Amino acid sequence: MDRETVRLECLKLVSRVDETPETAITKAKALENYVLGSETDKSINDPKDVKKSPVRIKTSDNPSVLS
């Protein structure tokens, strides 16, 4: 997901009909900074780079507590 898409999604999340557009933009910028990190970081981590913990699969050696 690129930065422009994240910015648009943030704006969608905070937009309300009872507030001014300037208020929504201010809130969206704060949310964008929270989600993406610092202003100077222009890249978003690739989900493929995230390390996942191994999944433990139940086997006959690992009986269920409920059985």
N, C-alpha and C. Protein backbone atom coordinates (compact mmCIF):
# COMPACT_ATOMS: atom_id res chain seq x y z
N MET A 1 0.86 -1.17 0.00
CA MET A 1 0.00 0.00 0.00
C MET A 1 0.91 1.23 0.00
N ASP A 2 0.66 2.15 -0.89
CA ASP A 2 1.50 3.33 -0.96
C ASP A 2 0.99 4.42 -0.01
N ARG A 3 1.81 5.44 0.18
CA ARG A 3 1.52 6.50 1.14
C ARG A 3 0.23 7.26 0.80
N GLU A 4 -0.02 7.48 -0.48
CA GLU A 4 -1.23 8.21 -0.88
C GLU A 4 -2.48 7.43 -0.51
N THR A 5 -2.44 6.13 -0.66
CA THR A 5 -3.59 5.29 -0.30
C THR A 5 -3.82 5.33 1.20
N VAL A 6 -2.75 5.27 1.97
CA VAL A 6 -2.88 5.34 3.43
C VAL A 6 -3.48 6.69 3.83
N ARG A 7 -3.02 7.75 3.19
CA ARG A 7 -3.55 9.08 3.52
C ARG A 7 -5.05 9.18 3.22
N LEU A 8 -5.45 8.63 2.08
CA LEU A 8 -6.86 8.65 1.72
C LEU A 8 -7.70 7.84 2.71
N GLU A 9 -7.20 6.68 3.09
CA GLU A 9 -7.93 5.84 4.05
C GLU A 9 -8.03 6.52 5.41
N CYS A 10 -6.98 7.20 5.83
CA CYS A 10 -7.02 7.94 7.09
C CYS A 10 -8.07 9.04 7.03
N LEU A 11 -8.12 9.73 5.91
CA LEU A 11 -9.11 10.79 5.74
C LEU A 11 -10.53 10.23 5.77
N LYS A 12 -10.73 9.08 5.14
CA LYS A 12 -12.05 8.44 5.16
C LYS A 12 -12.46 8.08 6.59
N LEU A 13 -11.50 7.61 7.36
CA LEU A 13 -11.80 7.17 8.73
C LEU A 13 -12.22 8.31 9.65
N VAL A 14 -11.64 9.49 9.45
CA VAL A 14 -11.91 10.58 10.38
C VAL A 14 -12.95 11.58 9.88
N SER A 15 -13.35 11.48 8.63
CA SER A 15 -14.30 12.44 8.07
C SER A 15 -15.68 12.29 8.69
N ARG A 16 -16.25 13.43 9.07
CA ARG A 16 -17.61 13.47 9.63
C ARG A 16 -18.34 14.65 9.03
N VAL A 17 -19.64 14.51 8.86
CA VAL A 17 -20.42 15.58 8.24
C VAL A 17 -20.61 16.77 9.17
N ASP A 18 -20.46 16.57 10.48
CA ASP A 18 -20.68 17.67 11.42
C ASP A 18 -19.40 18.44 11.75
N GLU A 19 -18.30 18.17 11.02
CA GLU A 19 -17.05 18.88 11.24
C GLU A 19 -16.57 19.51 9.94
N THR A 20 -15.70 20.49 10.07
CA THR A 20 -15.17 21.16 8.88
C THR A 20 -14.13 20.26 8.20
N PRO A 21 -13.90 20.46 6.91
CA PRO A 21 -12.86 19.69 6.23
C PRO A 21 -11.47 19.90 6.85
N GLU A 22 -11.21 21.11 7.34
CA GLU A 22 -9.92 21.39 7.96
C GLU A 22 -9.71 20.53 9.20
N THR A 23 -10.76 20.31 9.97
CA THR A 23 -10.67 19.45 11.16
C THR A 23 -10.38 18.02 10.75
N ALA A 24 -11.04 17.55 9.72
CA ALA A 24 -10.82 16.19 9.24
C ALA A 24 -9.39 16.01 8.74
N ILE A 25 -8.88 17.00 8.03
CA ILE A 25 -7.52 16.92 7.51
C ILE A 25 -6.50 16.89 8.64
N THR A 26 -6.71 17.70 9.67
CA THR A 26 -5.81 17.72 10.82
C THR A 26 -5.80 16.36 11.51
N LYS A 27 -6.98 15.78 11.71
CA LYS A 27 -7.08 14.47 12.35
C LYS A 27 -6.46 13.38 11.47
N ALA A 28 -6.69 13.48 10.16
CA ALA A 28 -6.14 12.49 9.23
C ALA A 28 -4.61 12.54 9.22
N LYS A 29 -4.05 13.74 9.29
CA LYS A 29 -2.58 13.86 9.33
C LYS A 29 -2.02 13.24 10.60
N ALA A 30 -2.68 13.46 11.71
CA ALA A 30 -2.23 12.86 12.97
C ALA A 30 -2.31 11.34 12.90
N LEU A 31 -3.38 10.82 12.33
CA LEU A 31 -3.53 9.37 12.18
C LEU A 31 -2.49 8.82 11.22
N GLU A 32 -2.25 9.52 10.14
CA GLU A 32 -1.22 9.09 9.17
C GLU A 32 0.15 9.01 9.83
N ASN A 33 0.49 10.03 10.62
CA ASN A 33 1.78 10.02 11.31
C ASN A 33 1.87 8.88 12.30
N TYR A 34 0.77 8.56 12.95
CA TYR A 34 0.76 7.44 13.88
C TYR A 34 0.95 6.12 13.14
N VAL A 35 0.25 5.95 12.04
CA VAL A 35 0.30 4.69 11.29
C VAL A 35 1.65 4.51 10.59
N LEU A 36 2.14 5.55 9.95
CA LEU A 36 3.35 5.42 9.15
C LEU A 36 4.63 5.75 9.90
N GLY A 37 4.53 6.36 11.04
CA GLY A 37 5.72 6.74 11.76
C GLY A 37 6.06 8.19 11.48
N SER A 38 7.34 8.49 11.45
CA SER A 38 7.78 9.87 11.31
C SER A 38 7.50 10.42 9.91
N GLU A 39 7.50 11.72 9.82
CA GLU A 39 7.27 12.41 8.54
C GLU A 39 8.35 12.08 7.52
N THR A 40 9.58 11.85 7.99
CA THR A 40 10.69 11.63 7.07
C THR A 40 10.69 10.24 6.46
N ASP A 41 9.98 9.31 7.08
CA ASP A 41 9.93 7.95 6.56
C ASP A 41 8.90 7.88 5.45
N LYS A 42 9.34 7.74 4.20
CA LYS A 42 8.44 7.74 3.05
C LYS A 42 8.06 6.34 2.59
N SER A 43 8.59 5.31 3.23
CA SER A 43 8.29 3.95 2.78
C SER A 43 7.49 3.21 3.84
N ILE A 44 6.74 2.24 3.38
CA ILE A 44 5.96 1.38 4.26
C ILE A 44 6.58 0.00 4.19
N ASN A 45 6.72 -0.64 5.34
CA ASN A 45 7.32 -1.97 5.35
C ASN A 45 6.48 -2.95 4.54
N ASP A 46 7.17 -3.80 3.82
CA ASP A 46 6.53 -4.84 3.04
C ASP A 46 6.08 -5.95 3.98
N PRO A 47 4.81 -6.37 3.93
CA PRO A 47 4.34 -7.42 4.84
C PRO A 47 5.14 -8.71 4.72
N LYS A 48 5.78 -8.94 3.59
CA LYS A 48 6.58 -10.15 3.42
C LYS A 48 7.82 -10.12 4.31
N ASP A 49 8.24 -8.93 4.74
CA ASP A 49 9.43 -8.79 5.57
C ASP A 49 9.15 -9.05 7.06
N VAL A 50 7.89 -9.12 7.44
CA VAL A 50 7.54 -9.29 8.84
C VAL A 50 7.76 -10.75 9.24
N LYS A 51 8.47 -10.94 10.34
CA LYS A 51 8.73 -12.28 10.85
C LYS A 51 7.51 -12.75 11.63
N LYS A 52 7.07 -13.95 11.36
CA LYS A 52 5.93 -14.51 12.08
C LYS A 52 6.42 -15.61 13.01
N SER A 53 5.75 -15.73 14.16
CA SER A 53 6.12 -16.80 15.07
C SER A 53 5.58 -18.11 14.51
N PRO A 54 6.27 -19.23 14.77
CA PRO A 54 5.81 -20.50 14.23
C PRO A 54 4.46 -20.91 14.82
N VAL A 55 3.67 -21.57 14.01
CA VAL A 55 2.35 -22.02 14.43
C VAL A 55 2.50 -23.42 15.01
N ARG A 56 1.93 -23.62 16.17
CA ARG A 56 2.00 -24.94 16.80
C ARG A 56 0.77 -25.74 16.37
N ILE A 57 1.01 -26.89 15.79
CA ILE A 57 -0.07 -27.73 15.30
C ILE A 57 -0.30 -28.86 16.29
N LYS A 58 -1.57 -29.08 16.62
CA LYS A 58 -1.92 -30.14 17.56
C LYS A 58 -1.72 -31.48 16.88
N THR A 59 -0.99 -32.33 17.54
CA THR A 59 -0.76 -33.69 17.06
C THR A 59 -1.16 -34.68 18.15
N SER A 60 -1.02 -35.96 17.86
CA SER A 60 -1.36 -36.97 18.87
C SER A 60 -0.41 -36.88 20.06
N ASP A 61 0.79 -36.34 19.86
CA ASP A 61 1.74 -36.16 20.96
C ASP A 61 1.35 -34.97 21.85
N ASN A 62 0.46 -34.15 21.36
CA ASN A 62 0.04 -32.95 22.06
C ASN A 62 -1.47 -33.01 22.24
N PRO A 63 -1.96 -33.86 23.18
CA PRO A 63 -3.41 -34.04 23.31
C PRO A 63 -4.12 -32.79 23.81
N SER A 64 -5.36 -32.68 23.45
CA SER A 64 -6.18 -31.56 23.87
C SER A 64 -6.50 -31.69 25.35
N VAL A 65 -6.60 -30.57 26.03
CA VAL A 65 -6.95 -30.56 27.45
C VAL A 65 -8.38 -31.03 27.64
N LEU A 66 -9.22 -30.78 26.64
CA LEU A 66 -10.64 -31.11 26.76
C LEU A 66 -10.96 -32.56 26.44
N SER A 67 -9.99 -33.35 25.92
CA SER A 67 -10.31 -34.73 25.57
C SER A 67 -10.11 -35.67 26.72
